[in-house]
Amino acid sequence: KFPNVSHLNELMIIGPITVRSACSHHLC
């Protein structure tokens, strides 16, 4: 973690992050 020295309070957007998961119903 880094301190918010500049007191930033503007909107930040990260993405798109590619994700891979699995359905717990069928493990698909």
PDB file of all heavy atoms in Angstrom:
ATOM      1  N   LYS A   1       0.839  -1.196   0.000  1.00  0.00           N
ATOM      2  CA  LYS A   1       0.000   0.000   0.000  1.00  0.00           C
ATOM      3  C   LYS A   1       0.877   1.249   0.000  1.00  0.00           C
ATOM      4  O   LYS A   1       1.932   1.281   0.627  1.00  0.00           O
ATOM      5  CB  LYS A   1      -0.918  -0.002   1.219  1.00  0.00           C
ATOM      6  CG  LYS A   1      -1.916  -1.140   1.237  1.00  0.00           C
ATOM      7  CD  LYS A   1      -2.806  -1.057   2.468  1.00  0.00           C
ATOM      8  CE  LYS A   1      -3.790  -2.214   2.514  1.00  0.00           C
ATOM      9  NZ  LYS A   1      -4.660  -2.151   3.717  1.00  0.00           N
ATOM     10  N   PHE A   2       0.406   2.268  -0.715  1.00  0.00           N
ATOM     11  CA  PHE A   2       1.119   3.525  -0.788  1.00  0.00           C
ATOM     12  C   PHE A   2       0.244   4.629  -0.193  1.00  0.00           C
ATOM     13  O   PHE A   2      -0.972   4.647  -0.405  1.00  0.00           O
ATOM     14  CB  PHE A   2       1.466   3.875  -2.240  1.00  0.00           C
ATOM     15  CG  PHE A   2       2.248   2.808  -2.956  1.00  0.00           C
ATOM     16  CD1 PHE A   2       1.602   1.884  -3.765  1.00  0.00           C
ATOM     17  CD2 PHE A   2       3.621   2.723  -2.815  1.00  0.00           C
ATOM     18  CE1 PHE A   2       2.312   0.890  -4.417  1.00  0.00           C
ATOM     19  CE2 PHE A   2       4.338   1.741  -3.467  1.00  0.00           C
ATOM     20  CZ  PHE A   2       3.690   0.821  -4.271  1.00  0.00           C
ATOM     21  N   PRO A   3       0.845   5.549   0.531  1.00  0.00           N
ATOM     22  CA  PRO A   3       0.050   6.650   1.074  1.00  0.00           C
ATOM     23  C   PRO A   3      -0.437   7.572  -0.041  1.00  0.00           C
ATOM     24  O   PRO A   3       0.257   7.776  -1.038  1.00  0.00           O
ATOM     25  CB  PRO A   3       1.030   7.366   2.012  1.00  0.00           C
ATOM     26  CG  PRO A   3       2.387   7.026   1.485  1.00  0.00           C
ATOM     27  CD  PRO A   3       2.268   5.638   0.921  1.00  0.00           C
ATOM     28  N   ASN A   4      -1.614   8.108   0.124  1.00  0.00           N
ATOM     29  CA  ASN A   4      -2.189   9.020  -0.866  1.00  0.00           C
ATOM     30  C   ASN A   4      -1.646  10.431  -0.625  1.00  0.00           C
ATOM     31  O   ASN A   4      -2.350  11.330  -0.164  1.00  0.00           O
ATOM     32  CB  ASN A   4      -3.724   8.992  -0.754  1.00  0.00           C
ATOM     33  CG  ASN A   4      -4.406   9.705  -1.918  1.00  0.00           C
ATOM     34  OD1 ASN A   4      -3.746  10.301  -2.760  1.00  0.00           O
ATOM     35  ND2 ASN A   4      -5.714   9.642  -1.949  1.00  0.00           N
ATOM     36  N   VAL A   5      -0.362  10.605  -0.959  1.00  0.00           N
ATOM     37  CA  VAL A   5       0.347  11.854  -0.664  1.00  0.00           C
ATOM     38  C   VAL A   5      -0.295  13.039  -1.381  1.00  0.00           C
ATOM     39  O   VAL A   5      -0.408  14.136  -0.827  1.00  0.00           O
ATOM     40  CB  VAL A   5       1.834  11.730  -1.061  1.00  0.00           C
ATOM     41  CG1 VAL A   5       2.559  13.054  -0.846  1.00  0.00           C
ATOM     42  CG2 VAL A   5       2.508  10.624  -0.260  1.00  0.00           C
ATOM     43  N   SER A   6      -0.722  12.827  -2.607  1.00  0.00           N
ATOM     44  CA  SER A   6      -1.304  13.918  -3.398  1.00  0.00           C
ATOM     45  C   SER A   6      -2.792  14.123  -3.114  1.00  0.00           C
ATOM     46  O   SER A   6      -3.439  14.945  -3.766  1.00  0.00           O
ATOM     47  CB  SER A   6      -1.101  13.650  -4.892  1.00  0.00           C
ATOM     48  OG  SER A   6       0.267  13.547  -5.197  1.00  0.00           O
ATOM     49  N   HIS A   7      -3.320  13.343  -2.170  1.00  0.00           N
ATOM     50  CA  HIS A   7      -4.747  13.442  -1.801  1.00  0.00           C
ATOM     51  C   HIS A   7      -5.658  13.274  -3.028  1.00  0.00           C
ATOM     52  O   HIS A   7      -6.575  14.055  -3.241  1.00  0.00           O
ATOM     53  CB  HIS A   7      -5.034  14.782  -1.113  1.00  0.00           C
ATOM     54  CG  HIS A   7      -4.213  15.005   0.109  1.00  0.00           C
ATOM     55  ND1 HIS A   7      -4.277  14.183   1.214  1.00  0.00           N
ATOM     56  CD2 HIS A   7      -3.270  15.951   0.388  1.00  0.00           C
ATOM     57  CE1 HIS A   7      -3.427  14.616   2.140  1.00  0.00           C
ATOM     58  NE2 HIS A   7      -2.797  15.672   1.666  1.00  0.00           N
ATOM     59  N   LEU A   8      -5.367  12.267  -3.821  1.00  0.00           N
ATOM     60  CA  LEU A   8      -6.165  12.006  -5.020  1.00  0.00           C
ATOM     61  C   LEU A   8      -7.578  11.594  -4.633  1.00  0.00           C
ATOM     62  O   LEU A   8      -7.769  10.761  -3.750  1.00  0.00           O
ATOM     63  CB  LEU A   8      -5.511  10.885  -5.846  1.00  0.00           C
ATOM     64  CG  LEU A   8      -4.065  11.133  -6.300  1.00  0.00           C
ATOM     65  CD1 LEU A   8      -3.504   9.892  -6.949  1.00  0.00           C
ATOM     66  CD2 LEU A   8      -4.014  12.313  -7.263  1.00  0.00           C
ATOM     67  N   ASN A   9      -8.550  12.161  -5.305  1.00  0.00           N
ATOM     68  CA  ASN A   9      -9.939  11.761  -5.070  1.00  0.00           C
ATOM     69  C   ASN A   9     -10.749  11.805  -6.365  1.00  0.00           C
ATOM     70  O   ASN A   9     -11.911  12.178  -6.377  1.00  0.00           O
ATOM     71  CB  ASN A   9     -10.584  12.636  -3.988  1.00  0.00           C
ATOM     72  CG  ASN A   9     -10.646  14.104  -4.398  1.00  0.00           C
ATOM     73  OD1 ASN A   9     -10.001  14.510  -5.354  1.00  0.00           O
ATOM     74  ND2 ASN A   9     -11.432  14.884  -3.671  1.00  0.00           N
ATOM     75  N   GLU A  10     -10.057  11.433  -7.455  1.00  0.00           N
ATOM     76  CA  GLU A  10     -10.704  11.371  -8.763  1.00  0.00           C
ATOM     77  C   GLU A  10     -10.964   9.919  -9.142  1.00  0.00           C
ATOM     78  O   GLU A  10     -10.306   9.001  -8.654  1.00  0.00           O
ATOM     79  CB  GLU A  10      -9.807  12.020  -9.825  1.00  0.00           C
ATOM     80  CG  GLU A  10      -9.472  13.480  -9.565  1.00  0.00           C
ATOM     81  CD  GLU A  10     -10.697  14.372  -9.610  1.00  0.00           C
ATOM     82  OE1 GLU A  10     -11.657  14.023 -10.302  1.00  0.00           O
ATOM     83  OE2 GLU A  10     -10.687  15.430  -8.933  1.00  0.00           O
ATOM     84  N   LEU A  11     -11.901   9.722 -10.036  1.00  0.00           N
ATOM     85  CA  LEU A  11     -12.292   8.385 -10.469  1.00  0.00           C
ATOM     86  C   LEU A  11     -11.136   7.659 -11.145  1.00  0.00           C
ATOM     87  O   LEU A  11     -10.463   8.203 -12.017  1.00  0.00           O
ATOM     88  CB  LEU A  11     -13.478   8.485 -11.437  1.00  0.00           C
ATOM     89  CG  LEU A  11     -13.911   7.197 -12.148  1.00  0.00           C
ATOM     90  CD1 LEU A  11     -14.375   6.150 -11.142  1.00  0.00           C
ATOM     91  CD2 LEU A  11     -15.013   7.493 -13.171  1.00  0.00           C
ATOM     92  N   MET A  12     -10.890   6.414 -10.708  1.00  0.00           N
ATOM     93  CA  MET A  12      -9.911   5.541 -11.352  1.00  0.00           C
ATOM     94  C   MET A  12     -10.651   4.310 -11.888  1.00  0.00           C
ATOM     95  O   MET A  12     -11.520   3.770 -11.206  1.00  0.00           O
ATOM     96  CB  MET A  12      -8.840   5.070 -10.362  1.00  0.00           C
ATOM     97  CG  MET A  12      -8.021   6.176  -9.757  1.00  0.00           C
ATOM     98  SD  MET A  12      -6.607   5.518  -8.813  1.00  0.00           S
ATOM     99  CE  MET A  12      -7.432   4.486  -7.615  1.00  0.00           C
ATOM    100  N   ILE A  13     -10.296   3.885 -13.101  1.00  0.00           N
ATOM    101  CA  ILE A  13     -10.915   2.698 -13.701  1.00  0.00           C
ATOM    102  C   ILE A  13      -9.811   1.729 -14.104  1.00  0.00           C
ATOM    103  O   ILE A  13      -8.848   2.115 -14.776  1.00  0.00           O
ATOM    104  CB  ILE A  13     -11.777   3.065 -14.925  1.00  0.00           C
ATOM    105  CG1 ILE A  13     -12.921   3.992 -14.503  1.00  0.00           C
ATOM    106  CG2 ILE A  13     -12.338   1.798 -15.572  1.00  0.00           C
ATOM    107  CD1 ILE A  13     -13.759   4.497 -15.659  1.00  0.00           C
ATOM    108  N   ILE A  14      -9.932   0.501 -13.685  1.00  0.00           N
ATOM    109  CA  ILE A  14      -8.977  -0.555 -14.023  1.00  0.00           C
ATOM    110  C   ILE A  14      -9.715  -1.613 -14.836  1.00  0.00           C
ATOM    111  O   ILE A  14     -10.739  -2.129 -14.401  1.00  0.00           O
ATOM    112  CB  ILE A  14      -8.355  -1.190 -12.766  1.00  0.00           C
ATOM    113  CG1 ILE A  14      -7.650  -0.136 -11.918  1.00  0.00           C
ATOM    114  CG2 ILE A  14      -7.366  -2.289 -13.157  1.00  0.00           C
ATOM    115  CD1 ILE A  14      -8.485   0.429 -10.814  1.00  0.00           C
ATOM    116  N   GLY A  15      -9.186  -1.947 -16.006  1.00  0.00           N
ATOM    117  CA  GLY A  15      -9.810  -2.983 -16.798  1.00  0.00           C
ATOM    118  C   GLY A  15      -9.757  -2.695 -18.286  1.00  0.00           C
ATOM    119  O   GLY A  15      -9.296  -1.630 -18.688  1.00  0.00           O
ATOM    120  N   PRO A  16     -10.221  -3.635 -19.085  1.00  0.00           N
ATOM    121  CA  PRO A  16     -10.795  -4.905 -18.630  1.00  0.00           C
ATOM    122  C   PRO A  16      -9.718  -5.898 -18.178  1.00  0.00           C
ATOM    123  O   PRO A  16      -8.681  -6.030 -18.825  1.00  0.00           O
ATOM    124  CB  PRO A  16     -11.520  -5.429 -19.867  1.00  0.00           C
ATOM    125  CG  PRO A  16     -10.796  -4.812 -21.023  1.00  0.00           C
ATOM    126  CD  PRO A  16     -10.297  -3.482 -20.552  1.00  0.00           C
ATOM    127  N   ILE A  17      -9.992  -6.568 -17.062  1.00  0.00           N
ATOM    128  CA  ILE A  17      -9.136  -7.634 -16.548  1.00  0.00           C
ATOM    129  C   ILE A  17      -9.720  -8.962 -17.018  1.00  0.00           C
ATOM    130  O   ILE A  17     -10.882  -9.258 -16.748  1.00  0.00           O
ATOM    131  CB  ILE A  17      -9.074  -7.605 -15.008  1.00  0.00           C
ATOM    132  CG1 ILE A  17      -8.516  -6.267 -14.506  1.00  0.00           C
ATOM    133  CG2 ILE A  17      -8.247  -8.767 -14.483  1.00  0.00           C
ATOM    134  CD1 ILE A  17      -8.640  -6.076 -13.003  1.00  0.00           C
ATOM    135  N   THR A  18      -8.932  -9.747 -17.724  1.00  0.00           N
ATOM    136  CA  THR A  18      -9.405 -11.052 -18.187  1.00  0.00           C
ATOM    137  C   THR A  18      -9.508 -12.004 -17.003  1.00  0.00           C
ATOM    138  O   THR A  18      -8.570 -12.117 -16.207  1.00  0.00           O
ATOM    139  CB  THR A  18      -8.448 -11.646 -19.230  1.00  0.00           C
ATOM    140  OG1 THR A  18      -8.350 -10.730 -20.329  1.00  0.00           O
ATOM    141  CG2 THR A  18      -8.938 -12.992 -19.740  1.00  0.00           C
ATOM    142  N   VAL A  19     -10.659 -12.665 -16.885  1.00  0.00           N
ATOM    143  CA  VAL A  19     -10.864 -13.581 -15.756  1.00  0.00           C
ATOM    144  C   VAL A  19     -11.264 -14.961 -16.262  1.00  0.00           C
ATOM    145  O   VAL A  19     -11.919 -15.106 -17.286  1.00  0.00           O
ATOM    146  CB  VAL A  19     -11.938 -13.058 -14.769  1.00  0.00           C
ATOM    147  CG1 VAL A  19     -11.458 -11.808 -14.076  1.00  0.00           C
ATOM    148  CG2 VAL A  19     -13.264 -12.791 -15.468  1.00  0.00           C
ATOM    149  N   ARG A  20     -10.839 -15.962 -15.505  1.00  0.00           N
ATOM    150  CA  ARG A  20     -11.175 -17.356 -15.796  1.00  0.00           C
ATOM    151  C   ARG A  20     -11.626 -17.988 -14.493  1.00  0.00           C
ATOM    152  O   ARG A  20     -10.898 -17.969 -13.513  1.00  0.00           O
ATOM    153  CB  ARG A  20      -9.963 -18.107 -16.359  1.00  0.00           C
ATOM    154  CG  ARG A  20      -9.387 -17.477 -17.618  1.00  0.00           C
ATOM    155  CD  ARG A  20      -7.979 -17.974 -17.905  1.00  0.00           C
ATOM    156  NE  ARG A  20      -7.363 -17.213 -18.973  1.00  0.00           N
ATOM    157  CZ  ARG A  20      -6.718 -16.064 -18.801  1.00  0.00           C
ATOM    158  NH1 ARG A  20      -6.606 -15.552 -17.576  1.00  0.00           N
ATOM    159  NH2 ARG A  20      -6.183 -15.430 -19.819  1.00  0.00           N
ATOM    160  N   SER A  21     -12.808 -18.536 -14.515  1.00  0.00           N
ATOM    161  CA  SER A  21     -13.330 -19.172 -13.315  1.00  0.00           C
ATOM    162  C   SER A  21     -14.038 -20.458 -13.728  1.00  0.00           C
ATOM    163  O   SER A  21     -13.853 -20.945 -14.853  1.00  0.00           O
ATOM    164  CB  SER A  21     -14.283 -18.210 -12.589  1.00  0.00           C
ATOM    165  OG  SER A  21     -14.601 -18.688 -11.299  1.00  0.00           O
ATOM    166  N   ALA A  22     -14.847 -21.006 -12.828  1.00  0.00           N
ATOM    167  CA  ALA A  22     -15.589 -22.228 -13.135  1.00  0.00           C
ATOM    168  C   ALA A  22     -16.916 -22.207 -12.396  1.00  0.00           C
ATOM    169  O   ALA A  22     -16.983 -21.771 -11.248  1.00  0.00           O
ATOM    170  CB  ALA A  22     -14.786 -23.470 -12.752  1.00  0.00           C
ATOM    171  N   CYS A  23     -17.940 -22.666 -13.071  1.00  0.00           N
ATOM    172  CA  CYS A  23     -19.270 -22.748 -12.466  1.00  0.00           C
ATOM    173  C   CYS A  23     -19.281 -23.899 -11.452  1.00  0.00           C
ATOM    174  O   CYS A  23     -18.886 -25.024 -11.773  1.00  0.00           O
ATOM    175  CB  CYS A  23     -20.301 -22.981 -13.555  1.00  0.00           C
ATOM    176  SG  CYS A  23     -21.927 -23.428 -12.949  1.00  0.00           S
ATOM    177  N   SER A  24     -19.721 -23.611 -10.239  1.00  0.00           N
ATOM    178  CA  SER A  24     -19.717 -24.649  -9.207  1.00  0.00           C
ATOM    179  C   SER A  24     -20.821 -25.683  -9.413  1.00  0.00           C
ATOM    180  O   SER A  24     -20.837 -26.706  -8.733  1.00  0.00           O
ATOM    181  CB  SER A  24     -19.850 -24.014  -7.816  1.00  0.00           C
ATOM    182  OG  SER A  24     -20.954 -23.149  -7.757  1.00  0.00           O
ATOM    183  N   HIS A  25     -21.744 -25.434 -10.345  1.00  0.00           N
ATOM    184  CA  HIS A  25     -22.813 -26.396 -10.609  1.00  0.00           C
ATOM    185  C   HIS A  25     -22.334 -27.543 -11.495  1.00  0.00           C
ATOM    186  O   HIS A  25     -22.709 -28.699 -11.278  1.00  0.00           O
ATOM    187  CB  HIS A  25     -23.996 -25.695 -11.285  1.00  0.00           C
ATOM    188  CG  HIS A  25     -24.633 -24.639 -10.440  1.00  0.00           C
ATOM    189  ND1 HIS A  25     -25.296 -23.540 -10.968  1.00  0.00           N
ATOM    190  CD2 HIS A  25     -24.695 -24.493  -9.099  1.00  0.00           C
ATOM    191  CE1 HIS A  25     -25.750 -22.785  -9.985  1.00  0.00           C
ATOM    192  NE2 HIS A  25     -25.396 -23.341  -8.838  1.00  0.00           N
ATOM    193  N   HIS A  26     -21.522 -27.225 -12.511  1.00  0.00           N
ATOM    194  CA  HIS A  26     -21.071 -28.255 -13.454  1.00  0.00           C
ATOM    195  C   HIS A  26     -19.556 -28.289 -13.626  1.00  0.00           C
ATOM    196  O   HIS A  26     -19.040 -29.091 -14.402  1.00  0.00           O
ATOM    197  CB  HIS A  26     -21.710 -28.031 -14.830  1.00  0.00           C
ATOM    198  CG  HIS A  26     -23.195 -28.181 -14.843  1.00  0.00           C
ATOM    199  ND1 HIS A  26     -24.053 -27.105 -14.701  1.00  0.00           N
ATOM    200  CD2 HIS A  26     -23.991 -29.272 -14.958  1.00  0.00           C
ATOM    201  CE1 HIS A  26     -25.302 -27.520 -14.733  1.00  0.00           C
ATOM    202  NE2 HIS A  26     -25.299 -28.829 -14.888  1.00  0.00           N
ATOM    203  N   LEU A  27     -18.834 -27.384 -12.940  1.00  0.00           N
ATOM    204  CA  LEU A  27     -17.388 -27.248 -13.102  1.00  0.00           C
ATOM    205  C   LEU A  27     -17.010 -26.922 -14.539  1.00  0.00           C
ATOM    206  O   LEU A  27     -15.946 -27.313 -15.027  1.00  0.00           O
ATOM    207  CB  LEU A  27     -16.639 -28.502 -12.618  1.00  0.00           C
ATOM    208  CG  LEU A  27     -16.827 -28.879 -11.153  1.00  0.00           C
ATOM    209  CD1 LEU A  27     -15.914 -30.043 -10.785  1.00  0.00           C
ATOM    210  CD2 LEU A  27     -16.579 -27.705 -10.217  1.00  0.00           C
ATOM    211  N   CYS A  28     -17.894 -26.212 -15.223  1.00  0.00           N
ATOM    212  CA  CYS A  28     -17.608 -25.750 -16.584  1.00  0.00           C
ATOM    213  C   CYS A  28     -16.962 -24.368 -16.516  1.00  0.00           C
ATOM    214  O   CYS A  28     -17.229 -23.596 -15.594  1.00  0.00           O
ATOM    215  CB  CYS A  28     -18.894 -25.671 -17.401  1.00  0.00           C
ATOM    216  SG  CYS A  28     -19.544 -27.277 -17.922  1.00  0.00           S
TER     217      CYS A  28
END
